[in-house]
Amino acid sequence: TELHRRGIAHSIEIWNRNNELAGGMYGVALGRCFFGESMF
């Protein structure tokens, strides 16, 4: 969460037609690399 506050970690959200959360992922971005950490 601190990495996210500093703009280093990011979340990706996927929503259904009712704008309900259908899944997601978080990871770390450095340079031109993205490090996927976990997904559901």
PDB file of all heavy atoms in Angstrom:
ATOM      1  N   THR A   1       0.837  -1.198   0.000  1.00  0.00           N
ATOM      2  CA  THR A   1       0.000   0.000   0.000  1.00  0.00           C
ATOM      3  C   THR A   1       0.873   1.250   0.000  1.00  0.00           C
ATOM      4  O   THR A   1       0.565   2.246  -0.667  1.00  0.00           O
ATOM      5  CB  THR A   1      -0.940   0.000   1.213  1.00  0.00           C
ATOM      6  OG1 THR A   1      -1.806  -1.146   1.126  1.00  0.00           O
ATOM      7  CG2 THR A   1      -1.789   1.259   1.254  1.00  0.00           C
ATOM      8  N   GLU A   2       1.991   1.207   0.715  1.00  0.00           N
ATOM      9  CA  GLU A   2       2.929   2.325   0.693  1.00  0.00           C
ATOM     10  C   GLU A   2       3.573   2.447  -0.690  1.00  0.00           C
ATOM     11  O   GLU A   2       3.753   3.567  -1.195  1.00  0.00           O
ATOM     12  CB  GLU A   2       4.001   2.147   1.769  1.00  0.00           C
ATOM     13  CG  GLU A   2       5.080   3.217   1.784  1.00  0.00           C
ATOM     14  CD  GLU A   2       4.556   4.626   2.049  1.00  0.00           C
ATOM     15  OE1 GLU A   2       3.426   4.765   2.568  1.00  0.00           O
ATOM     16  OE2 GLU A   2       5.289   5.596   1.731  1.00  0.00           O
ATOM     17  N   LEU A   3       3.909   1.324  -1.313  1.00  0.00           N
ATOM     18  CA  LEU A   3       4.416   1.373  -2.686  1.00  0.00           C
ATOM     19  C   LEU A   3       3.388   2.003  -3.622  1.00  0.00           C
ATOM     20  O   LEU A   3       3.728   2.774  -4.521  1.00  0.00           O
ATOM     21  CB  LEU A   3       4.765  -0.030  -3.178  1.00  0.00           C
ATOM     22  CG  LEU A   3       6.036  -0.695  -2.633  1.00  0.00           C
ATOM     23  CD1 LEU A   3       6.164  -2.101  -3.215  1.00  0.00           C
ATOM     24  CD2 LEU A   3       7.277   0.119  -2.966  1.00  0.00           C
ATOM     25  N   HIS A   4       2.133   1.668  -3.406  1.00  0.00           N
ATOM     26  CA  HIS A   4       1.063   2.257  -4.234  1.00  0.00           C
ATOM     27  C   HIS A   4       0.974   3.757  -3.996  1.00  0.00           C
ATOM     28  O   HIS A   4       0.822   4.545  -4.947  1.00  0.00           O
ATOM     29  CB  HIS A   4      -0.264   1.575  -3.904  1.00  0.00           C
ATOM     30  CG  HIS A   4      -1.441   2.206  -4.566  1.00  0.00           C
ATOM     31  ND1 HIS A   4      -1.608   2.229  -5.941  1.00  0.00           N
ATOM     32  CD2 HIS A   4      -2.526   2.862  -4.055  1.00  0.00           C
ATOM     33  CE1 HIS A   4      -2.732   2.847  -6.238  1.00  0.00           C
ATOM     34  NE2 HIS A   4      -3.298   3.251  -5.122  1.00  0.00           N
ATOM     35  N   ARG A   5       1.086   4.174  -2.735  1.00  0.00           N
ATOM     36  CA  ARG A   5       1.023   5.602  -2.417  1.00  0.00           C
ATOM     37  C   ARG A   5       2.137   6.369  -3.120  1.00  0.00           C
ATOM     38  O   ARG A   5       1.951   7.514  -3.519  1.00  0.00           O
ATOM     39  CB  ARG A   5       1.126   5.792  -0.897  1.00  0.00           C
ATOM     40  CG  ARG A   5       0.845   7.208  -0.429  1.00  0.00           C
ATOM     41  CD  ARG A   5       1.091   7.361   1.053  1.00  0.00           C
ATOM     42  NE  ARG A   5       2.507   7.310   1.377  1.00  0.00           N
ATOM     43  CZ  ARG A   5       3.340   8.331   1.246  1.00  0.00           C
ATOM     44  NH1 ARG A   5       2.915   9.492   0.774  1.00  0.00           N
ATOM     45  NH2 ARG A   5       4.615   8.212   1.590  1.00  0.00           N
ATOM     46  N   ARG A   6       3.253   5.700  -3.332  1.00  0.00           N
ATOM     47  CA  ARG A   6       4.398   6.339  -3.992  1.00  0.00           C
ATOM     48  C   ARG A   6       4.382   6.154  -5.514  1.00  0.00           C
ATOM     49  O   ARG A   6       5.331   6.533  -6.196  1.00  0.00           O
ATOM     50  CB  ARG A   6       5.702   5.779  -3.422  1.00  0.00           C
ATOM     51  CG  ARG A   6       5.863   6.049  -1.933  1.00  0.00           C
ATOM     52  CD  ARG A   6       7.275   5.782  -1.484  1.00  0.00           C
ATOM     53  NE  ARG A   6       7.418   5.877  -0.029  1.00  0.00           N
ATOM     54  CZ  ARG A   6       8.578   5.973   0.596  1.00  0.00           C
ATOM     55  NH1 ARG A   6       9.706   6.004  -0.116  1.00  0.00           N
ATOM     56  NH2 ARG A   6       8.645   6.023   1.905  1.00  0.00           N
ATOM     57  N   GLY A   7       3.329   5.544  -6.036  1.00  0.00           N
ATOM     58  CA  GLY A   7       3.199   5.386  -7.480  1.00  0.00           C
ATOM     59  C   GLY A   7       3.998   4.246  -8.060  1.00  0.00           C
ATOM     60  O   GLY A   7       4.223   4.197  -9.281  1.00  0.00           O
ATOM     61  N   ILE A   8       4.422   3.294  -7.223  1.00  0.00           N
ATOM     62  CA  ILE A   8       5.238   2.166  -7.671  1.00  0.00           C
ATOM     63  C   ILE A   8       4.398   0.906  -7.845  1.00  0.00           C
ATOM     64  O   ILE A   8       4.594   0.141  -8.793  1.00  0.00           O
ATOM     65  CB  ILE A   8       6.397   1.908  -6.685  1.00  0.00           C
ATOM     66  CG1 ILE A   8       7.284   3.154  -6.569  1.00  0.00           C
ATOM     67  CG2 ILE A   8       7.221   0.688  -7.096  1.00  0.00           C
ATOM     68  CD1 ILE A   8       8.276   3.100  -5.424  1.00  0.00           C
ATOM     69  N   ALA A   9       3.477   0.657  -6.944  1.00  0.00           N
ATOM     70  CA  ALA A   9       2.568  -0.487  -7.047  1.00  0.00           C
ATOM     71  C   ALA A   9       1.227  -0.025  -7.611  1.00  0.00           C
ATOM     72  O   ALA A   9       0.783   1.099  -7.344  1.00  0.00           O
ATOM     73  CB  ALA A   9       2.371  -1.146  -5.681  1.00  0.00           C
ATOM     74  N   HIS A  10       0.606  -0.891  -8.371  1.00  0.00           N
ATOM     75  CA  HIS A  10      -0.645  -0.541  -9.043  1.00  0.00           C
ATOM     76  C   HIS A  10      -1.643  -1.685  -8.935  1.00  0.00           C
ATOM     77  O   HIS A  10      -1.261  -2.855  -8.836  1.00  0.00           O
ATOM     78  CB  HIS A  10      -0.399  -0.240 -10.522  1.00  0.00           C
ATOM     79  CG  HIS A  10       0.565   0.886 -10.745  1.00  0.00           C
ATOM     80  ND1 HIS A  10       0.166   2.206 -10.721  1.00  0.00           N
ATOM     81  CD2 HIS A  10       1.908   0.883 -10.968  1.00  0.00           C
ATOM     82  CE1 HIS A  10       1.225   2.971 -10.939  1.00  0.00           C
ATOM     83  NE2 HIS A  10       2.293   2.190 -11.087  1.00  0.00           N
ATOM     84  N   SER A  11      -2.904  -1.312  -8.964  1.00  0.00           N
ATOM     85  CA  SER A  11      -3.968  -2.314  -9.039  1.00  0.00           C
ATOM     86  C   SER A  11      -4.653  -2.210 -10.396  1.00  0.00           C
ATOM     87  O   SER A  11      -4.727  -1.135 -10.993  1.00  0.00           O
ATOM     88  CB  SER A  11      -4.997  -2.109  -7.922  1.00  0.00           C
ATOM     89  OG  SER A  11      -5.633  -0.842  -8.038  1.00  0.00           O
ATOM     90  N   ILE A  12      -5.116  -3.350 -10.880  1.00  0.00           N
ATOM     91  CA  ILE A  12      -5.928  -3.388 -12.097  1.00  0.00           C
ATOM     92  C   ILE A  12      -7.251  -4.025 -11.700  1.00  0.00           C
ATOM     93  O   ILE A  12      -7.269  -5.102 -11.096  1.00  0.00           O
ATOM     94  CB  ILE A  12      -5.245  -4.195 -13.221  1.00  0.00           C
ATOM     95  CG1 ILE A  12      -3.875  -3.580 -13.560  1.00  0.00           C
ATOM     96  CG2 ILE A  12      -6.125  -4.220 -14.469  1.00  0.00           C
ATOM     97  CD1 ILE A  12      -2.720  -4.230 -12.856  1.00  0.00           C
ATOM     98  N   GLU A  13      -8.337  -3.333 -12.008  1.00  0.00           N
ATOM     99  CA  GLU A  13      -9.660  -3.805 -11.635  1.00  0.00           C
ATOM    100  C   GLU A  13     -10.456  -4.171 -12.878  1.00  0.00           C
ATOM    101  O   GLU A  13     -10.332  -3.512 -13.916  1.00  0.00           O
ATOM    102  CB  GLU A  13     -10.435  -2.720 -10.866  1.00  0.00           C
ATOM    103  CG  GLU A  13      -9.704  -2.168  -9.652  1.00  0.00           C
ATOM    104  CD  GLU A  13      -8.796  -0.980  -9.970  1.00  0.00           C
ATOM    105  OE1 GLU A  13      -8.986  -0.376 -11.045  1.00  0.00           O
ATOM    106  OE2 GLU A  13      -7.906  -0.659  -9.152  1.00  0.00           O
ATOM    107  N   ILE A  14     -11.283  -5.197 -12.766  1.00  0.00           N
ATOM    108  CA  ILE A  14     -12.200  -5.530 -13.849  1.00  0.00           C
ATOM    109  C   ILE A  14     -13.614  -5.547 -13.277  1.00  0.00           C
ATOM    110  O   ILE A  14     -13.867  -6.124 -12.221  1.00  0.00           O
ATOM    111  CB  ILE A  14     -11.823  -6.857 -14.544  1.00  0.00           C
ATOM    112  CG1 ILE A  14     -12.753  -7.124 -15.714  1.00  0.00           C
ATOM    113  CG2 ILE A  14     -11.753  -8.024 -13.582  1.00  0.00           C
ATOM    114  CD1 ILE A  14     -12.233  -8.148 -16.698  1.00  0.00           C
ATOM    115  N   TRP A  15     -14.517  -4.860 -13.975  1.00  0.00           N
ATOM    116  CA  TRP A  15     -15.880  -4.631 -13.498  1.00  0.00           C
ATOM    117  C   TRP A  15     -16.881  -5.237 -14.474  1.00  0.00           C
ATOM    118  O   TRP A  15     -16.654  -5.244 -15.684  1.00  0.00           O
ATOM    119  CB  TRP A  15     -16.151  -3.132 -13.370  1.00  0.00           C
ATOM    120  CG  TRP A  15     -15.085  -2.366 -12.647  1.00  0.00           C
ATOM    121  CD1 TRP A  15     -13.933  -1.848 -13.176  1.00  0.00           C
ATOM    122  CD2 TRP A  15     -15.064  -2.030 -11.256  1.00  0.00           C
ATOM    123  NE1 TRP A  15     -13.195  -1.211 -12.215  1.00  0.00           N
ATOM    124  CE2 TRP A  15     -13.859  -1.301 -11.020  1.00  0.00           C
ATOM    125  CE3 TRP A  15     -15.931  -2.254 -10.194  1.00  0.00           C
ATOM    126  CZ2 TRP A  15     -13.522  -0.818  -9.774  1.00  0.00           C
ATOM    127  CZ3 TRP A  15     -15.585  -1.768  -8.946  1.00  0.00           C
ATOM    128  CH2 TRP A  15     -14.407  -1.054  -8.735  1.00  0.00           C
ATOM    129  N   ASN A  16     -18.004  -5.708 -13.933  1.00  0.00           N
ATOM    130  CA  ASN A  16     -19.048  -6.214 -14.818  1.00  0.00           C
ATOM    131  C   ASN A  16     -19.979  -5.075 -15.232  1.00  0.00           C
ATOM    132  O   ASN A  16     -19.749  -3.906 -14.905  1.00  0.00           O
ATOM    133  CB  ASN A  16     -19.804  -7.376 -14.162  1.00  0.00           C
ATOM    134  CG  ASN A  16     -20.549  -6.952 -12.895  1.00  0.00           C
ATOM    135  OD1 ASN A  16     -20.861  -5.771 -12.685  1.00  0.00           O
ATOM    136  ND2 ASN A  16     -20.859  -7.922 -12.054  1.00  0.00           N
ATOM    137  N   ARG A  17     -21.057  -5.425 -15.952  1.00  0.00           N
ATOM    138  CA  ARG A  17     -21.956  -4.395 -16.477  1.00  0.00           C
ATOM    139  C   ARG A  17     -22.702  -3.644 -15.384  1.00  0.00           C
ATOM    140  O   ARG A  17     -23.209  -2.538 -15.613  1.00  0.00           O
ATOM    141  CB  ARG A  17     -22.964  -5.050 -17.429  1.00  0.00           C
ATOM    142  CG  ARG A  17     -22.340  -5.478 -18.758  1.00  0.00           C
ATOM    143  CD  ARG A  17     -23.303  -6.313 -19.560  1.00  0.00           C
ATOM    144  NE  ARG A  17     -22.764  -6.646 -20.871  1.00  0.00           N
ATOM    145  CZ  ARG A  17     -23.232  -7.608 -21.638  1.00  0.00           C
ATOM    146  NH1 ARG A  17     -24.257  -8.358 -21.225  1.00  0.00           N
ATOM    147  NH2 ARG A  17     -22.685  -7.857 -22.822  1.00  0.00           N
ATOM    148  N   ASN A  18     -22.765  -4.238 -14.192  1.00  0.00           N
ATOM    149  CA  ASN A  18     -23.419  -3.562 -13.068  1.00  0.00           C
ATOM    150  C   ASN A  18     -22.427  -2.762 -12.228  1.00  0.00           C
ATOM    151  O   ASN A  18     -22.760  -2.322 -11.124  1.00  0.00           O
ATOM    152  CB  ASN A  18     -24.123  -4.597 -12.182  1.00  0.00           C
ATOM    153  CG  ASN A  18     -25.241  -5.317 -12.904  1.00  0.00           C
ATOM    154  OD1 ASN A  18     -25.986  -4.708 -13.680  1.00  0.00           O
ATOM    155  ND2 ASN A  18     -25.371  -6.614 -12.657  1.00  0.00           N
ATOM    156  N   ASN A  19     -21.222  -2.578 -12.770  1.00  0.00           N
ATOM    157  CA  ASN A  19     -20.150  -1.880 -12.062  1.00  0.00           C
ATOM    158  C   ASN A  19     -19.791  -2.547 -10.741  1.00  0.00           C
ATOM    159  O   ASN A  19     -19.407  -1.880  -9.770  1.00  0.00           O
ATOM    160  CB  ASN A  19     -20.516  -0.406 -11.833  1.00  0.00           C
ATOM    161  CG  ASN A  19     -20.436   0.400 -13.113  1.00  0.00           C
ATOM    162  OD1 ASN A  19     -19.529   0.198 -13.926  1.00  0.00           O
ATOM    163  ND2 ASN A  19     -21.387   1.298 -13.304  1.00  0.00           N
ATOM    164  N   GLU A  20     -19.894  -3.876 -10.743  1.00  0.00           N
ATOM    165  CA  GLU A  20     -19.463  -4.671  -9.601  1.00  0.00           C
ATOM    166  C   GLU A  20     -18.100  -5.280  -9.913  1.00  0.00           C
ATOM    167  O   GLU A  20     -17.825  -5.665 -11.051  1.00  0.00           O
ATOM    168  CB  GLU A  20     -20.474  -5.788  -9.318  1.00  0.00           C
ATOM    169  CG  GLU A  20     -21.865  -5.288  -8.976  1.00  0.00           C
ATOM    170  CD  GLU A  20     -22.910  -6.385  -9.054  1.00  0.00           C
ATOM    171  OE1 GLU A  20     -22.716  -7.340  -9.848  1.00  0.00           O
ATOM    172  OE2 GLU A  20     -23.920  -6.269  -8.344  1.00  0.00           O
ATOM    173  N   LEU A  21     -17.267  -5.368  -8.897  1.00  0.00           N
ATOM    174  CA  LEU A  21     -15.923  -5.895  -9.093  1.00  0.00           C
ATOM    175  C   LEU A  21     -16.000  -7.375  -9.468  1.00  0.00           C
ATOM    176  O   LEU A  21     -16.598  -8.188  -8.754  1.00  0.00           O
ATOM    177  CB  LEU A  21     -15.107  -5.712  -7.816  1.00  0.00           C
ATOM    178  CG  LEU A  21     -13.588  -5.763  -7.940  1.00  0.00           C
ATOM    179  CD1 LEU A  21     -13.073  -4.679  -8.872  1.00  0.00           C
ATOM    180  CD2 LEU A  21     -12.959  -5.618  -6.553  1.00  0.00           C
ATOM    181  N   ALA A  22     -15.394  -7.729 -10.608  1.00  0.00           N
ATOM    182  CA  ALA A  22     -15.416  -9.109 -11.088  1.00  0.00           C
ATOM    183  C   ALA A  22     -14.062  -9.793 -10.952  1.00  0.00           C
ATOM    184  O   ALA A  22     -13.955 -11.006 -11.130  1.00  0.00           O
ATOM    185  CB  ALA A  22     -15.855  -9.137 -12.550  1.00  0.00           C
ATOM    186  N   GLY A  23     -13.028  -9.037 -10.641  1.00  0.00           N
ATOM    187  CA  GLY A  23     -11.694  -9.604 -10.493  1.00  0.00           C
ATOM    188  C   GLY A  23     -10.671  -8.491 -10.376  1.00  0.00           C
ATOM    189  O   GLY A  23     -11.003  -7.302 -10.456  1.00  0.00           O
ATOM    190  N   GLY A  24      -9.410  -8.873 -10.195  1.00  0.00           N
ATOM    191  CA  GLY A  24      -8.375  -7.853 -10.081  1.00  0.00           C
ATOM    192  C   GLY A  24      -6.991  -8.431  -9.937  1.00  0.00           C
ATOM    193  O   GLY A  24      -6.793  -9.645  -9.778  1.00  0.00           O
ATOM    194  N   MET A  25      -6.024  -7.555 -10.005  1.00  0.00           N
ATOM    195  CA  MET A  25      -4.597  -7.901  -9.888  1.00  0.00           C
ATOM    196  C   MET A  25      -3.873  -6.711  -9.285  1.00  0.00           C
ATOM    197  O   MET A  25      -4.317  -5.569  -9.419  1.00  0.00           O
ATOM    198  CB  MET A  25      -4.012  -8.213 -11.268  1.00  0.00           C
ATOM    199  CG  MET A  25      -2.495  -8.335 -11.306  1.00  0.00           C
ATOM    200  SD  MET A  25      -1.814  -8.294 -12.983  1.00  0.00           S
ATOM    201  CE  MET A  25      -2.015 -10.005 -13.443  1.00  0.00           C
ATOM    202  N   TYR A  26      -2.749  -6.988  -8.601  1.00  0.00           N
ATOM    203  CA  TYR A  26      -1.854  -5.896  -8.227  1.00  0.00           C
ATOM    204  C   TYR A  26      -0.424  -6.307  -8.552  1.00  0.00           C
ATOM    205  O   TYR A  26      -0.105  -7.492  -8.692  1.00  0.00           O
ATOM    206  CB  TYR A  26      -2.004  -5.509  -6.751  1.00  0.00           C
ATOM    207  CG  TYR A  26      -1.318  -6.439  -5.779  1.00  0.00           C
ATOM    208  CD1 TYR A  26      -0.046  -6.162  -5.289  1.00  0.00           C
ATOM    209  CD2 TYR A  26      -1.957  -7.602  -5.328  1.00  0.00           C
ATOM    210  CE1 TYR A  26       0.578  -7.011  -4.391  1.00  0.00           C
ATOM    211  CE2 TYR A  26      -1.344  -8.458  -4.435  1.00  0.00           C
ATOM    212  CZ  TYR A  26      -0.081  -8.159  -3.969  1.00  0.00           C
ATOM    213  OH  TYR A  26       0.543  -9.008  -3.087  1.00  0.00           O
ATOM    214  N   GLY A  27       0.422  -5.309  -8.724  1.00  0.00           N
ATOM    215  CA  GLY A  27       1.812  -5.583  -9.052  1.00  0.00           C
ATOM    216  C   GLY A  27       2.645  -4.321  -8.942  1.00  0.00           C
ATOM    217  O   GLY A  27       2.161  -3.258  -8.533  1.00  0.00           O
ATOM    218  N   VAL A  28       3.896  -4.444  -9.334  1.00  0.00           N
ATOM    219  CA  VAL A  28       4.892  -3.379  -9.193  1.00  0.00           C
ATOM    220  C   VAL A  28       5.409  -2.999 -10.570  1.00  0.00           C
ATOM    221  O   VAL A  28       5.698  -3.864 -11.398  1.00  0.00           O
ATOM    222  CB  VAL A  28       6.049  -3.851  -8.295  1.00  0.00           C
ATOM    223  CG1 VAL A  28       7.207  -2.865  -8.314  1.00  0.00           C
ATOM    224  CG2 VAL A  28       5.559  -4.081  -6.867  1.00  0.00           C
ATOM    225  N   ALA A  29       5.519  -1.700 -10.829  1.00  0.00           N
ATOM    226  CA  ALA A  29       6.037  -1.198 -12.106  1.00  0.00           C
ATOM    227  C   ALA A  29       7.346  -0.448 -11.868  1.00  0.00           C
ATOM    228  O   ALA A  29       7.378   0.507 -11.085  1.00  0.00           O
ATOM    229  CB  ALA A  29       5.019  -0.281 -12.773  1.00  0.00           C
ATOM    230  N   LEU A  30       8.407  -0.915 -12.531  1.00  0.00           N
ATOM    231  CA  LEU A  30       9.704  -0.237 -12.480  1.00  0.00           C
ATOM    232  C   LEU A  30      10.257  -0.184 -13.893  1.00  0.00           C
ATOM    233  O   LEU A  30      10.391  -1.226 -14.550  1.00  0.00           O
ATOM    234  CB  LEU A  30      10.679  -0.991 -11.570  1.00  0.00           C
ATOM    235  CG  LEU A  30      10.389  -0.996 -10.068  1.00  0.00           C
ATOM    236  CD1 LEU A  30      11.353  -1.938  -9.352  1.00  0.00           C
ATOM    237  CD2 LEU A  30      10.491   0.406  -9.489  1.00  0.00           C
ATOM    238  N   GLY A  31      10.591   1.009 -14.344  1.00  0.00           N
ATOM    239  CA  GLY A  31      11.088   1.146 -15.701  1.00  0.00           C
ATOM    240  C   GLY A  31      10.073   0.624 -16.698  1.00  0.00           C
ATOM    241  O   GLY A  31       8.880   0.962 -16.633  1.00  0.00           O
ATOM    242  N   ARG A  32      10.537  -0.254 -17.597  1.00  0.00           N
ATOM    243  CA  ARG A  32       9.643  -0.857 -18.582  1.00  0.00           C
ATOM    244  C   ARG A  32       9.321  -2.304 -18.220  1.00  0.00           C
ATOM    245  O   ARG A  32       9.093  -3.139 -19.098  1.00  0.00           O
ATOM    246  CB  ARG A  32      10.267  -0.767 -19.984  1.00  0.00           C
ATOM    247  CG  ARG A  32      10.335   0.672 -20.516  1.00  0.00           C
ATOM    248  CD  ARG A  32      10.972   0.753 -21.890  1.00  0.00           C
ATOM    249  NE  ARG A  32      11.030   2.139 -22.355  1.00  0.00           N
ATOM    250  CZ  ARG A  32      10.165   2.673 -23.209  1.00  0.00           C
ATOM    251  NH1 ARG A  32       9.168   1.952 -23.693  1.00  0.00           N
ATOM    252  NH2 ARG A  32      10.281   3.938 -23.585  1.00  0.00           N
ATOM    253  N   CYS A  33       9.280  -2.582 -16.924  1.00  0.00           N
ATOM    254  CA  CYS A  33       8.931  -3.916 -16.428  1.00  0.00           C
ATOM    255  C   CYS A  33       7.750  -3.821 -15.478  1.00  0.00           C
ATOM    256  O   CYS A  33       7.697  -2.910 -14.642  1.00  0.00           O
ATOM    257  CB  CYS A  33      10.104  -4.543 -15.681  1.00  0.00           C
ATOM    258  SG  CYS A  33      11.598  -4.747 -16.664  1.00  0.00           S
ATOM    259  N   PHE A  34       6.822  -4.754 -15.606  1.00  0.00           N
ATOM    260  CA  PHE A  34       5.728  -4.867 -14.654  1.00  0.00           C
ATOM    261  C   PHE A  34       5.825  -6.227 -13.989  1.00  0.00           C
ATOM    262  O   PHE A  34       5.929  -7.255 -14.668  1.00  0.00           O
ATOM    263  CB  PHE A  34       4.368  -4.702 -15.330  1.00  0.00           C
ATOM    264  CG  PHE A  34       3.213  -4.820 -14.368  1.00  0.00           C
ATOM    265  CD1 PHE A  34       2.943  -3.805 -13.470  1.00  0.00           C
ATOM    266  CD2 PHE A  34       2.411  -5.956 -14.354  1.00  0.00           C
ATOM    267  CE1 PHE A  34       1.891  -3.912 -12.556  1.00  0.00           C
ATOM    268  CE2 PHE A  34       1.356  -6.070 -13.460  1.00  0.00           C
ATOM    269  CZ  PHE A  34       1.098  -5.049 -12.558  1.00  0.00           C
ATOM    270  N   PHE A  35       5.784  -6.236 -12.673  1.00  0.00           N
ATOM    271  CA  PHE A  35       5.912  -7.462 -11.899  1.00  0.00           C
ATOM    272  C   PHE A  35       4.551  -7.812 -11.303  1.00  0.00           C
ATOM    273  O   PHE A  35       4.110  -7.190 -10.335  1.00  0.00           O
ATOM    274  CB  PHE A  35       6.940  -7.275 -10.775  1.00  0.00           C
ATOM    275  CG  PHE A  35       8.283  -6.793 -11.257  1.00  0.00           C
ATOM    276  CD1 PHE A  35       8.523  -5.428 -11.468  1.00  0.00           C
ATOM    277  CD2 PHE A  35       9.311  -7.680 -11.508  1.00  0.00           C
ATOM    278  CE1 PHE A  35       9.752  -4.970 -11.902  1.00  0.00           C
ATOM    279  CE2 PHE A  35      10.563  -7.232 -11.945  1.00  0.00           C
ATOM    280  CZ  PHE A  35      10.781  -5.883 -12.148  1.00  0.00           C
ATOM    281  N   GLY A  36       3.871  -8.772 -11.899  1.00  0.00           N
ATOM    282  CA  GLY A  36       2.572  -9.173 -11.391  1.00  0.00           C
ATOM    283  C   GLY A  36       2.720  -9.947 -10.098  1.00  0.00           C
ATOM    284  O   GLY A  36       3.514 -10.890 -10.016  1.00  0.00           O
ATOM    285  N   GLU A  37       1.969  -9.553  -9.078  1.00  0.00           N
ATOM    286  CA  GLU A  37       2.094 -10.188  -7.771  1.00  0.00           C
ATOM    287  C   GLU A  37       0.983 -11.199  -7.501  1.00  0.00           C
ATOM    288  O   GLU A  37       1.245 -12.312  -7.083  1.00  0.00           O
ATOM    289  CB  GLU A  37       2.124  -9.129  -6.669  1.00  0.00           C
ATOM    290  CG  GLU A  37       3.499  -8.595  -6.383  1.00  0.00           C
ATOM    291  CD  GLU A  37       4.426  -9.683  -5.859  1.00  0.00           C
ATOM    292  OE1 GLU A  37       4.048 -10.427  -4.946  1.00  0.00           O
ATOM    293  OE2 GLU A  37       5.536  -9.799  -6.399  1.00  0.00           O
ATOM    294  N   SER A  38      -0.247 -10.826  -7.697  1.00  0.00           N
ATOM    295  CA  SER A  38      -1.348 -11.746  -7.404  1.00  0.00           C
ATOM    296  C   SER A  38      -2.585 -11.295  -8.167  1.00  0.00           C
ATOM    297  O   SER A  38      -2.741 -10.112  -8.485  1.00  0.00           O
ATOM    298  CB  SER A  38      -1.639 -11.779  -5.898  1.00  0.00           C
ATOM    299  OG  SER A  38      -2.598 -12.777  -5.593  1.00  0.00           O
ATOM    300  N   MET A  39      -3.477 -12.275  -8.430  1.00  0.00           N
ATOM    301  CA  MET A  39      -4.682 -12.011  -9.206  1.00  0.00           C
ATOM    302  C   MET A  39      -5.828 -12.845  -8.637  1.00  0.00           C
ATOM    303  O   MET A  39      -5.599 -13.915  -8.075  1.00  0.00           O
ATOM    304  CB  MET A  39      -4.445 -12.373 -10.681  1.00  0.00           C
ATOM    305  CG  MET A  39      -5.678 -12.322 -11.563  1.00  0.00           C
ATOM    306  SD  MET A  39      -5.353 -12.973 -13.224  1.00  0.00           S
ATOM    307  CE  MET A  39      -4.444 -11.603 -13.912  1.00  0.00           C
ATOM    308  N   PHE A  40      -7.029 -12.355  -8.768  1.00  0.00           N
ATOM    309  CA  PHE A  40      -8.204 -13.142  -8.394  1.00  0.00           C
ATOM    310  C   PHE A  40      -9.307 -12.898  -9.415  1.00  0.00           C
ATOM    311  O   PHE A  40      -9.288 -11.911 -10.159  1.00  0.00           O
ATOM    312  CB  PHE A  40      -8.698 -12.780  -6.988  1.00  0.00           C
ATOM    313  CG  PHE A  40      -9.357 -11.427  -6.906  1.00  0.00           C
ATOM    314  CD1 PHE A  40     -10.731 -11.285  -7.035  1.00  0.00           C
ATOM    315  CD2 PHE A  40      -8.586 -10.285  -6.716  1.00  0.00           C
ATOM    316  CE1 PHE A  40     -11.329 -10.041  -6.977  1.00  0.00           C
ATOM    317  CE2 PHE A  40      -9.180  -9.037  -6.657  1.00  0.00           C
ATOM    318  CZ  PHE A  40     -10.562  -8.912  -6.787  1.00  0.00           C
TER     319      PHE A  40
END
